[in-house]
Amino acid sequence: MEIHTSGTLKLPKSVITIGALDGVHRGHQALLLKTKERAEKLGVPFVVYTFDPPPKVFFKKCQMITTLEEKLNRLEMLGVEYVIVGQFNEAFTKQTVSSFINELQTINPVEIWEGPNFQFGKDRKGSIADLKHYFNVGVLNPLRCEQDELISSSRIRTLLKQGNYTLAKKLLGDTRFISFFSEKTYAI
């Protein structure tokens, strides 16, 4: 797996998904596997664009579920060929919708796969509709657990704070590379 920073990867074609992917939980895994399936079918590289730190960590100062290293390990396990890591900082928060779309055009996505609530760019003004203006975009419905609740990083953070490590681990899926399940990390 090759790791790149924003604006440094150029590809003739790709299939990509974009997101914070904090935890690379079962919902993320479903989206990643769909993206991988499409990349393989189309014979083009499987690309993930992610952020360090995740936007919610930057804006809300909440606990990260996985370190960047752990996230990258999980992405590699899932067969990602290229990862773009955007440094999520004050400058990145000012990136316009058109600027981000211009960056995506350098990797020539044949398809982009996202969840239905994907937003991007300054003040989250970019939407799936904006992406569809330039690219072929597939939308995967969010994954729900057995209790019919959405699997999300926010929910997993709440479970960890409550000490419900069993359910948090279940929502994360394979936790071989997750090292944060300690009381010390999530001491309240």
N, C-alpha and C. Protein backbone atom coordinates (compact mmCIF):
# COMPACT_ATOMS: atom_id res chain seq x y z
N MET A 1 0.84 -1.17 0.00
CA MET A 1 0.00 0.00 0.00
C MET A 1 0.89 1.24 0.00
N GLU A 2 0.59 2.16 -0.90
CA GLU A 2 1.33 3.42 -0.96
C GLU A 2 0.56 4.51 -0.20
N ILE A 3 1.30 5.31 0.55
CA ILE A 3 0.70 6.39 1.32
C ILE A 3 1.18 7.72 0.75
N HIS A 4 0.22 8.63 0.50
CA HIS A 4 0.52 9.94 -0.08
C HIS A 4 -0.11 11.04 0.75
N THR A 5 0.40 12.24 0.60
CA THR A 5 -0.22 13.41 1.23
C THR A 5 -1.11 14.09 0.19
N SER A 6 -1.94 15.00 0.64
CA SER A 6 -2.87 15.71 -0.25
C SER A 6 -2.13 16.30 -1.45
N GLY A 7 -2.70 16.07 -2.63
CA GLY A 7 -2.17 16.70 -3.84
C GLY A 7 -0.96 16.05 -4.45
N THR A 8 -0.49 14.92 -3.90
CA THR A 8 0.74 14.31 -4.43
C THR A 8 0.50 13.07 -5.28
N LEU A 9 -0.68 12.49 -5.24
CA LEU A 9 -0.96 11.27 -6.01
C LEU A 9 -1.59 11.65 -7.34
N LYS A 10 -1.07 11.06 -8.40
CA LYS A 10 -1.63 11.23 -9.75
C LYS A 10 -1.84 9.82 -10.31
N LEU A 11 -3.04 9.57 -10.81
CA LEU A 11 -3.35 8.27 -11.39
C LEU A 11 -4.17 8.46 -12.67
N PRO A 12 -4.00 7.54 -13.65
CA PRO A 12 -4.80 7.65 -14.87
C PRO A 12 -6.27 7.30 -14.64
N LYS A 13 -6.54 6.43 -13.66
CA LYS A 13 -7.91 6.03 -13.29
C LYS A 13 -7.87 5.49 -11.87
N SER A 14 -9.02 5.54 -11.20
CA SER A 14 -9.12 4.98 -9.85
C SER A 14 -10.58 4.82 -9.47
N VAL A 15 -10.80 4.08 -8.39
CA VAL A 15 -12.08 4.08 -7.67
C VAL A 15 -11.72 4.47 -6.25
N ILE A 16 -12.47 5.42 -5.68
CA ILE A 16 -12.07 6.01 -4.41
C ILE A 16 -13.25 6.13 -3.45
N THR A 17 -12.93 6.10 -2.17
CA THR A 17 -13.86 6.53 -1.13
C THR A 17 -13.11 7.53 -0.26
N ILE A 18 -13.87 8.46 0.30
CA ILE A 18 -13.30 9.56 1.08
C ILE A 18 -13.97 9.58 2.44
N GLY A 19 -13.18 9.69 3.51
CA GLY A 19 -13.80 9.81 4.82
C GLY A 19 -12.80 9.80 5.95
N ALA A 20 -13.27 10.19 7.12
CA ALA A 20 -12.43 10.21 8.32
C ALA A 20 -12.00 8.80 8.71
N LEU A 21 -12.93 7.85 8.59
CA LEU A 21 -12.65 6.44 8.86
C LEU A 21 -12.04 6.20 10.24
N ASP A 22 -12.45 6.97 11.23
CA ASP A 22 -11.92 6.78 12.58
C ASP A 22 -12.46 5.47 13.14
N GLY A 23 -11.57 4.52 13.37
CA GLY A 23 -11.94 3.20 13.85
C GLY A 23 -12.01 2.16 12.75
N VAL A 24 -12.20 2.59 11.51
CA VAL A 24 -12.41 1.66 10.39
C VAL A 24 -13.38 0.57 10.86
N HIS A 25 -14.53 1.00 11.39
CA HIS A 25 -15.53 0.09 11.95
C HIS A 25 -16.27 -0.68 10.85
N ARG A 26 -17.19 -1.55 11.26
CA ARG A 26 -17.89 -2.41 10.32
C ARG A 26 -18.63 -1.61 9.23
N GLY A 27 -19.16 -0.45 9.56
CA GLY A 27 -19.80 0.38 8.54
C GLY A 27 -18.80 0.87 7.51
N HIS A 28 -17.64 1.33 8.01
CA HIS A 28 -16.57 1.74 7.09
C HIS A 28 -16.12 0.56 6.24
N GLN A 29 -15.98 -0.61 6.89
CA GLN A 29 -15.51 -1.79 6.18
C GLN A 29 -16.44 -2.15 5.02
N ALA A 30 -17.76 -2.02 5.22
CA ALA A 30 -18.72 -2.31 4.14
C ALA A 30 -18.49 -1.35 2.96
N LEU A 31 -18.28 -0.08 3.26
CA LEU A 31 -18.03 0.91 2.21
C LEU A 31 -16.69 0.63 1.52
N LEU A 32 -15.68 0.31 2.29
CA LEU A 32 -14.37 0.01 1.72
C LEU A 32 -14.41 -1.24 0.84
N LEU A 33 -15.13 -2.27 1.29
CA LEU A 33 -15.20 -3.50 0.49
C LEU A 33 -15.99 -3.28 -0.79
N LYS A 34 -17.02 -2.43 -0.76
CA LYS A 34 -17.76 -2.09 -1.98
C LYS A 34 -16.85 -1.34 -2.96
N THR A 35 -16.08 -0.40 -2.43
CA THR A 35 -15.15 0.36 -3.26
C THR A 35 -14.11 -0.57 -3.88
N LYS A 36 -13.59 -1.49 -3.07
CA LYS A 36 -12.60 -2.45 -3.56
C LYS A 36 -13.20 -3.34 -4.65
N GLU A 37 -14.42 -3.81 -4.42
CA GLU A 37 -15.10 -4.67 -5.40
C GLU A 37 -15.23 -3.94 -6.74
N ARG A 38 -15.62 -2.69 -6.71
CA ARG A 38 -15.78 -1.91 -7.94
C ARG A 38 -14.42 -1.66 -8.62
N ALA A 39 -13.40 -1.37 -7.83
CA ALA A 39 -12.06 -1.15 -8.40
C ALA A 39 -11.57 -2.41 -9.10
N GLU A 40 -11.77 -3.55 -8.44
CA GLU A 40 -11.34 -4.81 -9.05
C GLU A 40 -12.12 -5.10 -10.34
N LYS A 41 -13.43 -4.88 -10.30
CA LYS A 41 -14.26 -5.13 -11.48
C LYS A 41 -13.85 -4.23 -12.65
N LEU A 42 -13.50 -2.98 -12.34
CA LEU A 42 -13.12 -2.03 -13.39
C LEU A 42 -11.63 -2.09 -13.73
N GLY A 43 -10.85 -2.85 -12.96
CA GLY A 43 -9.42 -3.00 -13.23
C GLY A 43 -8.61 -1.74 -12.99
N VAL A 44 -9.01 -0.99 -11.95
CA VAL A 44 -8.30 0.25 -11.63
C VAL A 44 -7.90 0.24 -10.15
N PRO A 45 -6.97 1.11 -9.73
CA PRO A 45 -6.54 1.13 -8.34
C PRO A 45 -7.66 1.51 -7.36
N PHE A 46 -7.58 0.92 -6.18
CA PHE A 46 -8.48 1.16 -5.05
C PHE A 46 -7.82 2.20 -4.15
N VAL A 47 -8.45 3.38 -4.05
CA VAL A 47 -7.87 4.52 -3.34
C VAL A 47 -8.78 4.95 -2.18
N VAL A 48 -8.16 5.30 -1.07
CA VAL A 48 -8.87 5.88 0.08
C VAL A 48 -8.26 7.24 0.36
N TYR A 49 -9.13 8.23 0.54
CA TYR A 49 -8.70 9.57 0.96
C TYR A 49 -9.21 9.74 2.39
N THR A 50 -8.30 9.89 3.34
CA THR A 50 -8.69 10.03 4.74
C THR A 50 -7.99 11.23 5.36
N PHE A 51 -8.24 11.45 6.62
CA PHE A 51 -7.76 12.67 7.28
C PHE A 51 -7.08 12.36 8.61
N ASP A 52 -6.07 13.16 8.93
CA ASP A 52 -5.38 13.05 10.21
C ASP A 52 -5.17 14.45 10.77
N PRO A 53 -5.77 14.76 11.91
CA PRO A 53 -6.71 13.92 12.66
C PRO A 53 -8.07 13.92 11.97
N PRO A 54 -8.98 13.02 12.38
CA PRO A 54 -10.34 13.06 11.84
C PRO A 54 -10.98 14.42 12.15
N PRO A 55 -11.84 14.94 11.26
CA PRO A 55 -12.46 16.25 11.48
C PRO A 55 -13.14 16.42 12.84
N LYS A 56 -13.85 15.40 13.34
CA LYS A 56 -14.52 15.53 14.64
C LYS A 56 -13.51 15.70 15.77
N VAL A 57 -12.37 15.07 15.64
CA VAL A 57 -11.32 15.21 16.65
C VAL A 57 -10.77 16.63 16.60
N PHE A 58 -10.58 17.15 15.39
CA PHE A 58 -10.06 18.51 15.22
C PHE A 58 -11.03 19.55 15.76
N PHE A 59 -12.31 19.45 15.37
CA PHE A 59 -13.29 20.47 15.76
C PHE A 59 -13.82 20.30 17.17
N LYS A 60 -14.11 19.06 17.57
CA LYS A 60 -14.78 18.82 18.85
C LYS A 60 -13.85 18.30 19.94
N LYS A 61 -12.60 18.10 19.59
CA LYS A 61 -11.60 17.61 20.54
C LYS A 61 -12.00 16.28 21.19
N CYS A 62 -12.76 15.46 20.46
CA CYS A 62 -13.15 14.17 21.01
C CYS A 62 -12.00 13.17 20.84
N GLN A 63 -12.11 12.06 21.53
CA GLN A 63 -11.09 11.02 21.53
C GLN A 63 -11.03 10.33 20.17
N MET A 64 -9.83 10.13 19.64
CA MET A 64 -9.66 9.33 18.42
C MET A 64 -9.83 7.87 18.80
N ILE A 65 -10.46 7.12 17.92
CA ILE A 65 -10.63 5.69 18.16
C ILE A 65 -9.36 4.95 17.78
N THR A 66 -8.76 5.32 16.67
CA THR A 66 -7.52 4.68 16.23
C THR A 66 -6.48 5.73 15.89
N THR A 67 -5.25 5.38 16.11
CA THR A 67 -4.16 6.24 15.66
C THR A 67 -4.08 6.13 14.14
N LEU A 68 -3.36 7.04 13.52
CA LEU A 68 -3.18 6.97 12.08
C LEU A 68 -2.52 5.64 11.70
N GLU A 69 -1.53 5.21 12.46
CA GLU A 69 -0.85 3.95 12.17
C GLU A 69 -1.82 2.77 12.20
N GLU A 70 -2.69 2.74 13.21
CA GLU A 70 -3.67 1.66 13.30
C GLU A 70 -4.66 1.72 12.13
N LYS A 71 -5.10 2.92 11.78
CA LYS A 71 -6.01 3.08 10.66
C LYS A 71 -5.35 2.56 9.37
N LEU A 72 -4.12 2.95 9.15
CA LEU A 72 -3.41 2.51 7.95
C LEU A 72 -3.23 1.00 7.92
N ASN A 73 -2.95 0.39 9.07
CA ASN A 73 -2.84 -1.07 9.15
C ASN A 73 -4.14 -1.73 8.75
N ARG A 74 -5.25 -1.21 9.25
CA ARG A 74 -6.56 -1.79 8.92
C ARG A 74 -6.88 -1.60 7.44
N LEU A 75 -6.54 -0.43 6.89
CA LEU A 75 -6.78 -0.19 5.46
C LEU A 75 -5.96 -1.16 4.60
N GLU A 76 -4.73 -1.39 5.01
CA GLU A 76 -3.89 -2.33 4.27
C GLU A 76 -4.47 -3.74 4.33
N MET A 77 -4.98 -4.14 5.51
CA MET A 77 -5.63 -5.45 5.65
C MET A 77 -6.80 -5.60 4.70
N LEU A 78 -7.49 -4.51 4.42
CA LEU A 78 -8.66 -4.53 3.55
C LEU A 78 -8.30 -4.40 2.06
N GLY A 79 -7.02 -4.33 1.76
CA GLY A 79 -6.59 -4.36 0.37
C GLY A 79 -6.52 -3.02 -0.33
N VAL A 80 -6.48 -1.93 0.42
CA VAL A 80 -6.36 -0.61 -0.19
C VAL A 80 -4.99 -0.52 -0.86
N GLU A 81 -4.96 0.02 -2.07
CA GLU A 81 -3.70 0.14 -2.81
C GLU A 81 -3.00 1.47 -2.58
N TYR A 82 -3.79 2.55 -2.49
CA TYR A 82 -3.25 3.89 -2.27
C TYR A 82 -4.09 4.58 -1.20
N VAL A 83 -3.40 5.26 -0.28
CA VAL A 83 -4.08 6.07 0.72
C VAL A 83 -3.54 7.49 0.61
N ILE A 84 -4.47 8.44 0.55
CA ILE A 84 -4.11 9.85 0.63
C ILE A 84 -4.50 10.31 2.03
N VAL A 85 -3.53 10.85 2.76
CA VAL A 85 -3.80 11.35 4.11
C VAL A 85 -3.74 12.87 4.07
N GLY A 86 -4.91 13.47 4.22
CA GLY A 86 -4.99 14.92 4.29
C GLY A 86 -4.74 15.39 5.71
N GLN A 87 -3.77 16.26 5.88
CA GLN A 87 -3.52 16.83 7.22
C GLN A 87 -4.66 17.78 7.55
N PHE A 88 -5.52 17.35 8.47
CA PHE A 88 -6.70 18.16 8.80
C PHE A 88 -6.28 19.20 9.82
N ASN A 89 -6.10 20.42 9.33
CA ASN A 89 -5.66 21.53 10.17
C ASN A 89 -6.44 22.78 9.75
N GLU A 90 -6.09 23.92 10.31
CA GLU A 90 -6.81 25.16 10.03
C GLU A 90 -6.83 25.47 8.52
N ALA A 91 -5.70 25.28 7.86
CA ALA A 91 -5.62 25.56 6.42
C ALA A 91 -6.55 24.62 5.64
N PHE A 92 -6.58 23.34 6.03
CA PHE A 92 -7.42 22.37 5.32
C PHE A 92 -8.90 22.72 5.47
N THR A 93 -9.30 23.26 6.62
CA THR A 93 -10.70 23.61 6.85
C THR A 93 -11.17 24.73 5.92
N LYS A 94 -10.23 25.43 5.32
CA LYS A 94 -10.57 26.55 4.43
C LYS A 94 -10.58 26.15 2.95
N GLN A 95 -10.29 24.88 2.68
CA GLN A 95 -10.27 24.41 1.30
C GLN A 95 -11.67 24.47 0.70
N THR A 96 -11.78 25.09 -0.46
CA THR A 96 -13.08 25.23 -1.11
C THR A 96 -13.52 23.92 -1.74
N VAL A 97 -14.80 23.83 -2.04
CA VAL A 97 -15.35 22.67 -2.72
C VAL A 97 -14.65 22.47 -4.06
N SER A 98 -14.50 23.53 -4.83
CA SER A 98 -13.86 23.40 -6.15
C SER A 98 -12.40 22.99 -6.05
N SER A 99 -11.70 23.46 -5.03
CA SER A 99 -10.30 23.07 -4.83
C SER A 99 -10.19 21.57 -4.54
N PHE A 100 -11.08 21.06 -3.70
CA PHE A 100 -11.06 19.62 -3.38
C PHE A 100 -11.42 18.80 -4.63
N ILE A 101 -12.39 19.24 -5.38
CA ILE A 101 -12.76 18.53 -6.61
C ILE A 101 -11.59 18.54 -7.60
N ASN A 102 -10.89 19.66 -7.71
CA ASN A 102 -9.70 19.72 -8.58
C ASN A 102 -8.65 18.71 -8.14
N GLU A 103 -8.47 18.57 -6.83
CA GLU A 103 -7.50 17.58 -6.34
C GLU A 103 -7.96 16.17 -6.71
N LEU A 104 -9.24 15.88 -6.55
CA LEU A 104 -9.75 14.54 -6.89
C LEU A 104 -9.54 14.25 -8.37
N GLN A 105 -9.67 15.26 -9.22
CA GLN A 105 -9.52 15.04 -10.66
C GLN A 105 -8.12 14.56 -11.04
N THR A 106 -7.13 14.79 -10.18
CA THR A 106 -5.76 14.34 -10.49
C THR A 106 -5.60 12.83 -10.34
N ILE A 107 -6.57 12.18 -9.70
CA ILE A 107 -6.53 10.72 -9.61
C ILE A 107 -7.60 10.08 -10.48
N ASN A 108 -8.32 10.91 -11.24
CA ASN A 108 -9.27 10.45 -12.26
C ASN A 108 -10.21 9.33 -11.79
N PRO A 109 -11.05 9.63 -10.80
CA PRO A 109 -11.95 8.58 -10.32
C PRO A 109 -12.97 8.16 -11.38
N VAL A 110 -12.99 6.87 -11.66
CA VAL A 110 -14.02 6.30 -12.52
C VAL A 110 -15.32 6.25 -11.71
N GLU A 111 -15.17 5.96 -10.41
CA GLU A 111 -16.29 5.98 -9.47
C GLU A 111 -15.80 6.48 -8.12
N ILE A 112 -16.71 7.13 -7.39
CA ILE A 112 -16.49 7.49 -5.99
C ILE A 112 -17.62 6.85 -5.21
N TRP A 113 -17.29 6.20 -4.10
CA TRP A 113 -18.29 5.56 -3.24
C TRP A 113 -18.31 6.26 -1.89
N GLU A 114 -19.53 6.63 -1.45
CA GLU A 114 -19.70 7.34 -0.18
C GLU A 114 -20.96 6.88 0.54
N GLY A 115 -21.07 7.30 1.80
CA GLY A 115 -22.31 7.16 2.54
C GLY A 115 -23.22 8.31 2.15
N PRO A 116 -24.51 8.25 2.49
CA PRO A 116 -25.47 9.25 2.01
C PRO A 116 -25.29 10.64 2.59
N ASN A 117 -24.60 10.80 3.69
CA ASN A 117 -24.48 12.11 4.33
C ASN A 117 -23.11 12.76 4.13
N PHE A 118 -22.36 12.31 3.14
CA PHE A 118 -21.02 12.82 2.92
C PHE A 118 -21.04 14.32 2.58
N GLN A 119 -20.19 15.08 3.28
CA GLN A 119 -20.00 16.50 3.01
C GLN A 119 -18.51 16.80 3.03
N PHE A 120 -18.12 17.86 2.32
CA PHE A 120 -16.70 18.19 2.24
C PHE A 120 -16.54 19.68 1.95
N GLY A 121 -15.31 20.13 2.05
CA GLY A 121 -14.99 21.52 1.74
C GLY A 121 -15.28 22.46 2.89
N LYS A 122 -14.90 23.70 2.70
CA LYS A 122 -15.08 24.74 3.72
C LYS A 122 -16.54 24.79 4.18
N ASP A 123 -16.71 24.77 5.48
CA ASP A 123 -18.04 24.80 6.11
C ASP A 123 -18.93 23.64 5.65
N ARG A 124 -18.32 22.55 5.19
CA ARG A 124 -19.06 21.36 4.74
C ARG A 124 -20.09 21.71 3.66
N LYS A 125 -19.71 22.61 2.77
CA LYS A 125 -20.64 23.06 1.73
C LYS A 125 -20.74 22.09 0.57
N GLY A 126 -19.76 21.20 0.41
CA GLY A 126 -19.80 20.22 -0.67
C GLY A 126 -20.65 19.03 -0.29
N SER A 127 -21.35 18.48 -1.28
CA SER A 127 -22.26 17.36 -1.03
C SER A 127 -22.10 16.29 -2.11
N ILE A 128 -22.86 15.22 -1.94
CA ILE A 128 -22.90 14.17 -2.96
C ILE A 128 -23.32 14.77 -4.31
N ALA A 129 -24.28 15.68 -4.28
CA ALA A 129 -24.74 16.32 -5.54
C ALA A 129 -23.59 17.04 -6.24
N ASP A 130 -22.72 17.70 -5.46
CA ASP A 130 -21.56 18.37 -6.07
C ASP A 130 -20.62 17.36 -6.71
N LEU A 131 -20.37 16.26 -6.01
CA LEU A 131 -19.50 15.22 -6.58
C LEU A 131 -20.11 14.65 -7.85
N LYS A 132 -21.43 14.44 -7.85
CA LYS A 132 -22.11 13.85 -9.02
C LYS A 132 -22.04 14.76 -10.24
N HIS A 133 -21.83 16.03 -10.04
CA HIS A 133 -21.69 16.95 -11.17
C HIS A 133 -20.42 16.65 -11.97
N TYR A 134 -19.41 16.09 -11.31
CA TYR A 134 -18.10 15.83 -11.94
C TYR A 134 -17.77 14.35 -12.10
N PHE A 135 -18.34 13.51 -11.23
CA PHE A 135 -17.92 12.11 -11.17
C PHE A 135 -19.14 11.18 -11.12
N ASN A 136 -18.89 9.91 -11.40
CA ASN A 136 -19.89 8.87 -11.21
C ASN A 136 -19.81 8.47 -9.73
N VAL A 137 -20.88 8.72 -8.97
CA VAL A 137 -20.86 8.51 -7.52
C VAL A 137 -21.88 7.44 -7.13
N GLY A 138 -21.41 6.47 -6.37
CA GLY A 138 -22.28 5.46 -5.79
C GLY A 138 -22.47 5.78 -4.31
N VAL A 139 -23.67 5.51 -3.81
CA VAL A 139 -23.97 5.78 -2.40
C VAL A 139 -24.38 4.48 -1.74
N LEU A 140 -23.68 4.13 -0.67
CA LEU A 140 -23.97 2.92 0.08
C LEU A 140 -24.71 3.31 1.35
N ASN A 141 -25.84 2.67 1.60
CA ASN A 141 -26.59 2.97 2.83
C ASN A 141 -25.79 2.57 4.05
N PRO A 142 -25.95 3.32 5.16
CA PRO A 142 -25.22 3.01 6.38
C PRO A 142 -25.55 1.62 6.90
N LEU A 143 -24.59 1.00 7.53
CA LEU A 143 -24.75 -0.32 8.11
C LEU A 143 -25.36 -0.19 9.50
N ARG A 144 -26.28 -1.08 9.81
CA ARG A 144 -26.93 -1.09 11.13
C ARG A 144 -26.55 -2.37 11.85
N CYS A 145 -26.51 -2.28 13.17
CA CYS A 145 -26.19 -3.46 13.97
C CYS A 145 -27.47 -4.25 14.25
N GLU A 146 -27.34 -5.33 15.02
CA GLU A 146 -28.48 -6.20 15.33
C GLU A 146 -29.60 -5.45 16.05
N GLN A 147 -29.27 -4.40 16.80
CA GLN A 147 -30.28 -3.60 17.51
C GLN A 147 -30.90 -2.55 16.59
N ASP A 148 -30.59 -2.59 15.30
CA ASP A 148 -31.08 -1.68 14.28
C ASP A 148 -30.60 -0.24 14.48
N GLU A 149 -29.48 -0.09 15.18
CA GLU A 149 -28.87 1.24 15.36
C GLU A 149 -27.72 1.38 14.37
N LEU A 150 -27.50 2.61 13.91
CA LEU A 150 -26.40 2.86 12.98
C LEU A 150 -25.06 2.55 13.64
N ILE A 151 -24.17 1.99 12.85
CA ILE A 151 -22.80 1.79 13.32
C ILE A 151 -22.05 3.06 12.94
N SER A 152 -21.54 3.78 13.94
CA SER A 152 -20.83 5.03 13.67
C SER A 152 -19.69 5.20 14.66
N SER A 153 -18.73 6.01 14.28
CA SER A 153 -17.61 6.31 15.18
C SER A 153 -18.10 7.00 16.44
N SER A 154 -19.09 7.88 16.30
CA SER A 154 -19.63 8.58 17.48
C SER A 154 -20.24 7.58 18.46
N ARG A 155 -20.98 6.63 17.94
CA ARG A 155 -21.59 5.62 18.81
C ARG A 155 -20.52 4.79 19.50
N ILE A 156 -19.48 4.42 18.77
CA ILE A 156 -18.40 3.63 19.36
C ILE A 156 -17.69 4.43 20.45
N ARG A 157 -17.46 5.72 20.22
CA ARG A 157 -16.84 6.56 21.26
C ARG A 157 -17.70 6.56 22.53
N THR A 158 -19.00 6.68 22.37
CA THR A 158 -19.92 6.68 23.51
C THR A 158 -19.84 5.35 24.25
N LEU A 159 -19.84 4.25 23.52
CA LEU A 159 -19.74 2.93 24.15
C LEU A 159 -18.44 2.79 24.93
N LEU A 160 -17.35 3.28 24.36
CA LEU A 160 -16.05 3.20 25.04
C LEU A 160 -16.07 4.02 26.33
N LYS A 161 -16.64 5.22 26.27
CA LYS A 161 -16.72 6.06 27.47
C LYS A 161 -17.58 5.41 28.55
N GLN A 162 -18.59 4.63 28.12
CA GLN A 162 -19.46 3.94 29.07
C GLN A 162 -18.83 2.64 29.57
N GLY A 163 -17.69 2.28 29.02
CA GLY A 163 -17.02 1.04 29.42
C GLY A 163 -17.59 -0.19 28.74
N ASN A 164 -18.40 -0.03 27.72
CA ASN A 164 -18.99 -1.16 27.01
C ASN A 164 -18.06 -1.61 25.90
N TYR A 165 -16.91 -2.18 26.28
CA TYR A 165 -15.89 -2.58 25.32
C TYR A 165 -16.35 -3.73 24.44
N THR A 166 -17.19 -4.61 24.96
CA THR A 166 -17.65 -5.76 24.20
C THR A 166 -18.43 -5.32 22.97
N LEU A 167 -19.42 -4.44 23.16
CA LEU A 167 -20.20 -3.98 22.01
C LEU A 167 -19.36 -3.10 21.09
N ALA A 168 -18.49 -2.27 21.67
CA ALA A 168 -17.61 -1.44 20.84
C ALA A 168 -16.75 -2.31 19.94
N LYS A 169 -16.17 -3.37 20.50
CA LYS A 169 -15.34 -4.28 19.70
C LYS A 169 -16.16 -4.95 18.61
N LYS A 170 -17.40 -5.32 18.94
CA LYS A 170 -18.26 -5.96 17.96
C LYS A 170 -18.55 -5.01 16.79
N LEU A 171 -18.80 -3.75 17.08
CA LEU A 171 -19.07 -2.77 16.02
C LEU A 171 -17.83 -2.45 15.20
N LEU A 172 -16.67 -2.56 15.83
CA LEU A 172 -15.42 -2.31 15.11
C LEU A 172 -15.05 -3.46 14.18
N GLY A 173 -15.54 -4.66 14.49
CA GLY A 173 -15.17 -5.80 13.67
C GLY A 173 -13.83 -6.34 14.14
N ASP A 174 -13.00 -6.75 13.21
CA ASP A 174 -11.70 -7.33 13.54
C ASP A 174 -10.85 -6.31 14.28
N THR A 175 -10.49 -6.61 15.51
CA THR A 175 -9.75 -5.65 16.33
C THR A 175 -8.29 -6.05 16.56
N ARG A 176 -7.75 -6.86 15.69
CA ARG A 176 -6.36 -7.28 15.88
C ARG A 176 -5.39 -6.12 15.95
N PHE A 177 -5.70 -5.03 15.26
CA PHE A 177 -4.77 -3.92 15.21
C PHE A 177 -5.19 -2.73 16.04
N ILE A 178 -6.19 -2.91 16.88
CA ILE A 178 -6.66 -1.81 17.71
C ILE A 178 -6.07 -1.98 19.11
N SER A 179 -5.36 -0.96 19.56
CA SER A 179 -4.68 -1.07 20.86
C SER A 179 -5.25 -0.14 21.91
N PHE A 180 -6.40 0.47 21.65
CA PHE A 180 -6.89 1.51 22.55
C PHE A 180 -7.81 0.99 23.63
N PHE A 181 -8.10 -0.31 23.67
CA PHE A 181 -9.06 -0.81 24.64
C PHE A 181 -8.43 -0.96 26.02
N SER A 182 -8.15 0.14 26.63
CA SER A 182 -7.62 0.08 27.99
C SER A 182 -8.34 1.14 28.82
N GLU A 183 -8.48 0.87 30.07
CA GLU A 183 -9.15 1.84 30.96
C GLU A 183 -8.35 3.13 31.02
N LYS A 184 -7.05 3.02 30.92
CA LYS A 184 -6.20 4.21 30.98
C LYS A 184 -6.53 5.18 29.83
N THR A 185 -6.72 4.65 28.63
CA THR A 185 -7.02 5.49 27.47
C THR A 185 -8.35 6.20 27.63
N TYR A 186 -9.34 5.50 28.17
CA TYR A 186 -10.67 6.07 28.26
C TYR A 186 -11.09 6.34 29.69
N ALA A 187 -10.15 6.71 30.54
CA ALA A 187 -10.49 7.06 31.91
C ALA A 187 -11.38 8.29 31.91
N ILE A 188 -12.40 8.26 32.73
CA ILE A 188 -13.35 9.39 32.77
C ILE A 188 -13.10 10.22 34.02
